[in-house]
Structure formats: C-alpha cells, structure tokens
Amino acid sequence: MIKRLFWFALGVVAGIVGLRYAKDKAREATSGLTVDSVLDDLATWSSKVVKQVEEIVRNMVSSDGAQRSASDADVFVSGSSANDRPRDL
C-alpha cells in the first residue's frame, strides 16, 4: 500500500511540475508574438516560396530544353529516329 501511495504522490508531483513548465514555455513563446512580427514572418516565408517555385520552373524548362535538343540531335545526325527503323522479325 505504501508503494502505491508513493508512486501516486510522485505522479501527482510530476504532473504539477510538468504543467507549470508547459505554462511557462507557452507564456514565453507568446510574449514575442505581435501582429508585425507575424506579418514579417509571413512576408519572408512567401518570398522564399516564390523564389523556390521560380527555381523549380527554371530547372524544369532547362531540363526539358536539354532533352528536346538531345533527341532532335539524334534525329538529325542519323537521318532517322529509332521509331523509323525497320524491326527484324
């Protein structure tokens, strides 16, 4: 019975300490939040997203252009594409 009471009391103390710690951390985190700081963070984040999307599109276009030029070069160098060659049956 004493063991159970000890562990129950230890659990209660741990719960109280944990709740107090969580409250302090929440207060500390919200003290720095203002409308201006949130808007600044949102503007920074959105500009980073736009730059990332531009880079992705630029890479896709350059990759597509490189693939097209490589396949066009094969057709013009050999005189026919792989699909035009007769198959051996």
N, C-alpha and C. Protein backbone atom coordinates (compact mmCIF):
# COMPACT_ATOMS: atom_id res chain seq x y z
N MET A 1 0.82 -1.19 0.00
CA MET A 1 0.00 0.00 0.00
C MET A 1 0.87 1.26 0.00
N ILE A 2 1.97 1.22 0.72
CA ILE A 2 2.86 2.36 0.82
C ILE A 2 3.51 2.61 -0.55
N LYS A 3 3.87 1.52 -1.27
CA LYS A 3 4.48 1.68 -2.58
C LYS A 3 3.53 2.39 -3.53
N ARG A 4 2.27 1.97 -3.52
CA ARG A 4 1.27 2.59 -4.41
C ARG A 4 1.07 4.06 -4.07
N LEU A 5 1.03 4.37 -2.81
CA LEU A 5 0.86 5.76 -2.38
C LEU A 5 2.06 6.59 -2.79
N PHE A 6 3.26 6.02 -2.66
CA PHE A 6 4.48 6.72 -3.06
C PHE A 6 4.45 7.04 -4.56
N TRP A 7 4.13 6.04 -5.39
CA TRP A 7 4.13 6.25 -6.83
C TRP A 7 3.00 7.20 -7.26
N PHE A 8 1.86 7.12 -6.57
CA PHE A 8 0.77 8.05 -6.87
C PHE A 8 1.20 9.49 -6.55
N ALA A 9 1.81 9.70 -5.39
CA ALA A 9 2.25 11.04 -5.00
C ALA A 9 3.34 11.54 -5.95
N LEU A 10 4.25 10.65 -6.35
CA LEU A 10 5.29 11.02 -7.29
C LEU A 10 4.68 11.43 -8.64
N GLY A 11 3.66 10.73 -9.08
CA GLY A 11 2.96 11.07 -10.33
C GLY A 11 2.27 12.42 -10.25
N VAL A 12 1.64 12.70 -9.13
CA VAL A 12 0.98 13.99 -8.93
C VAL A 12 2.01 15.12 -8.97
N VAL A 13 3.11 14.94 -8.29
CA VAL A 13 4.16 15.97 -8.28
C VAL A 13 4.71 16.17 -9.68
N ALA A 14 4.97 15.08 -10.40
CA ALA A 14 5.48 15.19 -11.77
C ALA A 14 4.48 15.90 -12.67
N GLY A 15 3.19 15.62 -12.50
CA GLY A 15 2.16 16.29 -13.29
C GLY A 15 2.11 17.78 -13.02
N ILE A 16 2.20 18.16 -11.77
CA ILE A 16 2.17 19.58 -11.41
C ILE A 16 3.39 20.30 -11.97
N VAL A 17 4.57 19.71 -11.81
CA VAL A 17 5.79 20.32 -12.32
C VAL A 17 5.73 20.43 -13.84
N GLY A 18 5.26 19.40 -14.51
CA GLY A 18 5.16 19.42 -15.96
C GLY A 18 4.18 20.46 -16.45
N LEU A 19 3.04 20.59 -15.78
CA LEU A 19 2.05 21.59 -16.16
C LEU A 19 2.60 23.00 -15.98
N ARG A 20 3.29 23.23 -14.90
CA ARG A 20 3.87 24.55 -14.65
C ARG A 20 4.92 24.89 -15.70
N TYR A 21 5.76 23.90 -16.05
CA TYR A 21 6.78 24.09 -17.07
C TYR A 21 6.13 24.42 -18.42
N ALA A 22 5.07 23.70 -18.77
CA ALA A 22 4.39 23.94 -20.05
C ALA A 22 3.76 25.33 -20.08
N LYS A 23 3.17 25.75 -18.99
CA LYS A 23 2.58 27.09 -18.93
C LYS A 23 3.65 28.17 -19.11
N ASP A 24 4.77 28.01 -18.44
CA ASP A 24 5.85 29.00 -18.56
C ASP A 24 6.38 29.06 -19.99
N LYS A 25 6.55 27.91 -20.62
CA LYS A 25 7.03 27.89 -22.00
C LYS A 25 6.02 28.53 -22.94
N ALA A 26 4.73 28.30 -22.73
CA ALA A 26 3.69 28.90 -23.57
C ALA A 26 3.67 30.42 -23.40
N ARG A 27 3.78 30.89 -22.20
CA ARG A 27 3.81 32.34 -21.96
C ARG A 27 5.03 32.97 -22.62
N GLU A 28 6.17 32.30 -22.50
CA GLU A 28 7.40 32.80 -23.09
C GLU A 28 7.30 32.86 -24.62
N ALA A 29 6.68 31.85 -25.21
CA ALA A 29 6.55 31.80 -26.67
C ALA A 29 5.59 32.86 -27.18
N THR A 30 4.52 33.11 -26.46
CA THR A 30 3.54 34.09 -26.93
C THR A 30 3.94 35.52 -26.63
N SER A 31 4.88 35.73 -25.74
CA SER A 31 5.28 37.10 -25.43
C SER A 31 5.96 37.77 -26.62
N GLY A 32 6.61 37.01 -27.47
CA GLY A 32 7.29 37.58 -28.63
C GLY A 32 6.40 37.73 -29.86
N LEU A 33 5.18 37.24 -29.79
CA LEU A 33 4.29 37.31 -30.95
C LEU A 33 3.54 38.64 -30.99
N THR A 34 3.72 39.34 -32.08
CA THR A 34 2.94 40.54 -32.33
C THR A 34 2.44 40.45 -33.77
N VAL A 35 1.52 41.30 -34.10
CA VAL A 35 0.98 41.29 -35.46
C VAL A 35 2.07 41.62 -36.46
N ASP A 36 2.92 42.57 -36.13
CA ASP A 36 4.00 42.96 -37.03
C ASP A 36 4.99 41.82 -37.25
N SER A 37 5.34 41.11 -36.18
CA SER A 37 6.29 40.01 -36.33
C SER A 37 5.69 38.87 -37.16
N VAL A 38 4.41 38.61 -36.97
CA VAL A 38 3.75 37.56 -37.76
C VAL A 38 3.70 37.97 -39.23
N LEU A 39 3.39 39.22 -39.53
CA LEU A 39 3.34 39.69 -40.91
C LEU A 39 4.72 39.66 -41.55
N ASP A 40 5.75 40.03 -40.79
CA ASP A 40 7.12 39.95 -41.31
C ASP A 40 7.51 38.52 -41.64
N ASP A 41 7.19 37.60 -40.74
CA ASP A 41 7.49 36.19 -40.97
C ASP A 41 6.73 35.66 -42.19
N LEU A 42 5.49 36.07 -42.33
CA LEU A 42 4.67 35.64 -43.47
C LEU A 42 5.23 36.18 -44.78
N ALA A 43 5.66 37.44 -44.79
CA ALA A 43 6.25 38.03 -45.99
C ALA A 43 7.56 37.33 -46.36
N THR A 44 8.38 37.06 -45.38
CA THR A 44 9.64 36.36 -45.62
C THR A 44 9.38 34.97 -46.17
N TRP A 45 8.46 34.26 -45.55
CA TRP A 45 8.13 32.89 -45.98
C TRP A 45 7.59 32.89 -47.40
N SER A 46 6.69 33.82 -47.71
CA SER A 46 6.09 33.85 -49.05
C SER A 46 7.13 34.19 -50.12
N SER A 47 8.06 35.09 -49.81
CA SER A 47 9.09 35.41 -50.80
C SER A 47 10.01 34.20 -51.02
N LYS A 48 10.31 33.45 -49.99
CA LYS A 48 11.11 32.24 -50.15
C LYS A 48 10.39 31.20 -51.00
N VAL A 49 9.08 31.07 -50.80
CA VAL A 49 8.30 30.11 -51.58
C VAL A 49 8.28 30.52 -53.05
N VAL A 50 8.10 31.80 -53.32
CA VAL A 50 8.08 32.28 -54.71
C VAL A 50 9.43 32.03 -55.37
N LYS A 51 10.52 32.30 -54.68
CA LYS A 51 11.85 32.05 -55.25
C LYS A 51 12.06 30.57 -55.51
N GLN A 52 11.60 29.71 -54.63
CA GLN A 52 11.75 28.28 -54.81
C GLN A 52 10.94 27.79 -56.01
N VAL A 53 9.73 28.30 -56.16
CA VAL A 53 8.91 27.91 -57.31
C VAL A 53 9.55 28.38 -58.61
N GLU A 54 10.07 29.60 -58.62
CA GLU A 54 10.76 30.10 -59.81
C GLU A 54 11.95 29.22 -60.17
N GLU A 55 12.70 28.80 -59.18
CA GLU A 55 13.86 27.94 -59.44
C GLU A 55 13.43 26.58 -59.99
N ILE A 56 12.36 26.03 -59.43
CA ILE A 56 11.86 24.74 -59.91
C ILE A 56 11.41 24.84 -61.37
N VAL A 57 10.67 25.90 -61.69
CA VAL A 57 10.20 26.08 -63.07
C VAL A 57 11.39 26.29 -64.00
N ARG A 58 12.35 27.08 -63.59
CA ARG A 58 13.54 27.32 -64.41
C ARG A 58 14.29 26.00 -64.68
N ASN A 59 14.43 25.17 -63.66
CA ASN A 59 15.10 23.89 -63.82
C ASN A 59 14.31 22.96 -64.73
N MET A 60 13.00 22.97 -64.62
CA MET A 60 12.17 22.12 -65.47
C MET A 60 12.28 22.54 -66.93
N VAL A 61 12.26 23.85 -67.17
CA VAL A 61 12.35 24.35 -68.54
C VAL A 61 13.72 24.03 -69.13
N SER A 62 14.77 24.24 -68.39
CA SER A 62 16.11 23.95 -68.92
C SER A 62 16.29 22.45 -69.13
N SER A 63 15.75 21.63 -68.26
CA SER A 63 15.85 20.19 -68.41
C SER A 63 15.06 19.73 -69.63
N ASP A 64 13.89 20.28 -69.84
CA ASP A 64 13.06 19.93 -70.99
C ASP A 64 13.74 20.36 -72.28
N GLY A 65 14.35 21.54 -72.28
CA GLY A 65 15.06 22.03 -73.46
C GLY A 65 16.26 21.16 -73.78
N ALA A 66 16.97 20.71 -72.75
CA ALA A 66 18.13 19.85 -72.97
C ALA A 66 17.70 18.50 -73.54
N GLN A 67 16.59 17.97 -73.05
CA GLN A 67 16.09 16.69 -73.56
C GLN A 67 15.63 16.83 -75.00
N ARG A 68 14.96 17.92 -75.31
CA ARG A 68 14.50 18.13 -76.68
C ARG A 68 15.67 18.27 -77.63
N SER A 69 16.68 19.04 -77.25
CA SER A 69 17.82 19.24 -78.15
C SER A 69 18.57 17.93 -78.34
N ALA A 70 18.66 17.11 -77.32
CA ALA A 70 19.36 15.82 -77.44
C ALA A 70 18.60 14.89 -78.36
N SER A 71 17.28 14.85 -78.24
CA SER A 71 16.51 13.96 -79.12
C SER A 71 16.48 14.50 -80.53
N ASP A 72 16.43 15.81 -80.71
CA ASP A 72 16.47 16.40 -82.05
C ASP A 72 17.82 16.14 -82.70
N ALA A 73 18.89 16.19 -81.92
CA ALA A 73 20.22 15.95 -82.47
C ALA A 73 20.33 14.51 -82.96
N ASP A 74 19.75 13.55 -82.26
CA ASP A 74 19.78 12.16 -82.70
C ASP A 74 19.08 11.99 -84.04
N VAL A 75 17.95 12.66 -84.21
CA VAL A 75 17.19 12.53 -85.45
C VAL A 75 17.98 13.13 -86.61
N PHE A 76 18.57 14.30 -86.39
CA PHE A 76 19.26 14.96 -87.49
C PHE A 76 20.60 14.32 -87.82
N VAL A 77 21.26 13.76 -86.85
CA VAL A 77 22.56 13.15 -87.10
C VAL A 77 22.39 11.83 -87.85
N SER A 78 21.47 11.00 -87.40
CA SER A 78 21.34 9.69 -88.00
C SER A 78 20.46 9.71 -89.24
N GLY A 79 19.67 10.73 -89.41
CA GLY A 79 18.79 10.81 -90.57
C GLY A 79 17.43 10.19 -90.32
N SER A 80 17.31 9.38 -89.29
CA SER A 80 16.02 8.80 -88.94
C SER A 80 16.00 8.55 -87.45
N SER A 81 14.83 8.45 -86.92
CA SER A 81 14.73 8.20 -85.50
C SER A 81 14.65 6.70 -85.27
N ALA A 82 14.72 6.30 -84.03
CA ALA A 82 14.69 4.87 -83.68
C ALA A 82 13.36 4.25 -84.05
N ASN A 83 12.30 5.02 -84.08
CA ASN A 83 10.97 4.50 -84.40
C ASN A 83 10.82 4.25 -85.91
N ASP A 84 11.62 4.91 -86.75
CA ASP A 84 11.50 4.77 -88.20
C ASP A 84 12.27 3.55 -88.73
N ARG A 85 13.15 2.98 -87.93
CA ARG A 85 13.96 1.88 -88.41
C ARG A 85 13.13 0.59 -88.47
N PRO A 86 13.36 -0.23 -89.46
CA PRO A 86 12.60 -1.49 -89.54
C PRO A 86 13.07 -2.46 -88.47
N ARG A 87 12.13 -3.22 -87.97
CA ARG A 87 12.46 -4.21 -86.94
C ARG A 87 12.72 -5.55 -87.60
N ASP A 88 13.64 -6.28 -87.06
CA ASP A 88 13.90 -7.64 -87.55
C ASP A 88 12.91 -8.57 -86.88
N LEU A 89 12.22 -9.33 -87.71
CA LEU A 89 11.23 -10.27 -87.16
C LEU A 89 11.70 -11.66 -87.15
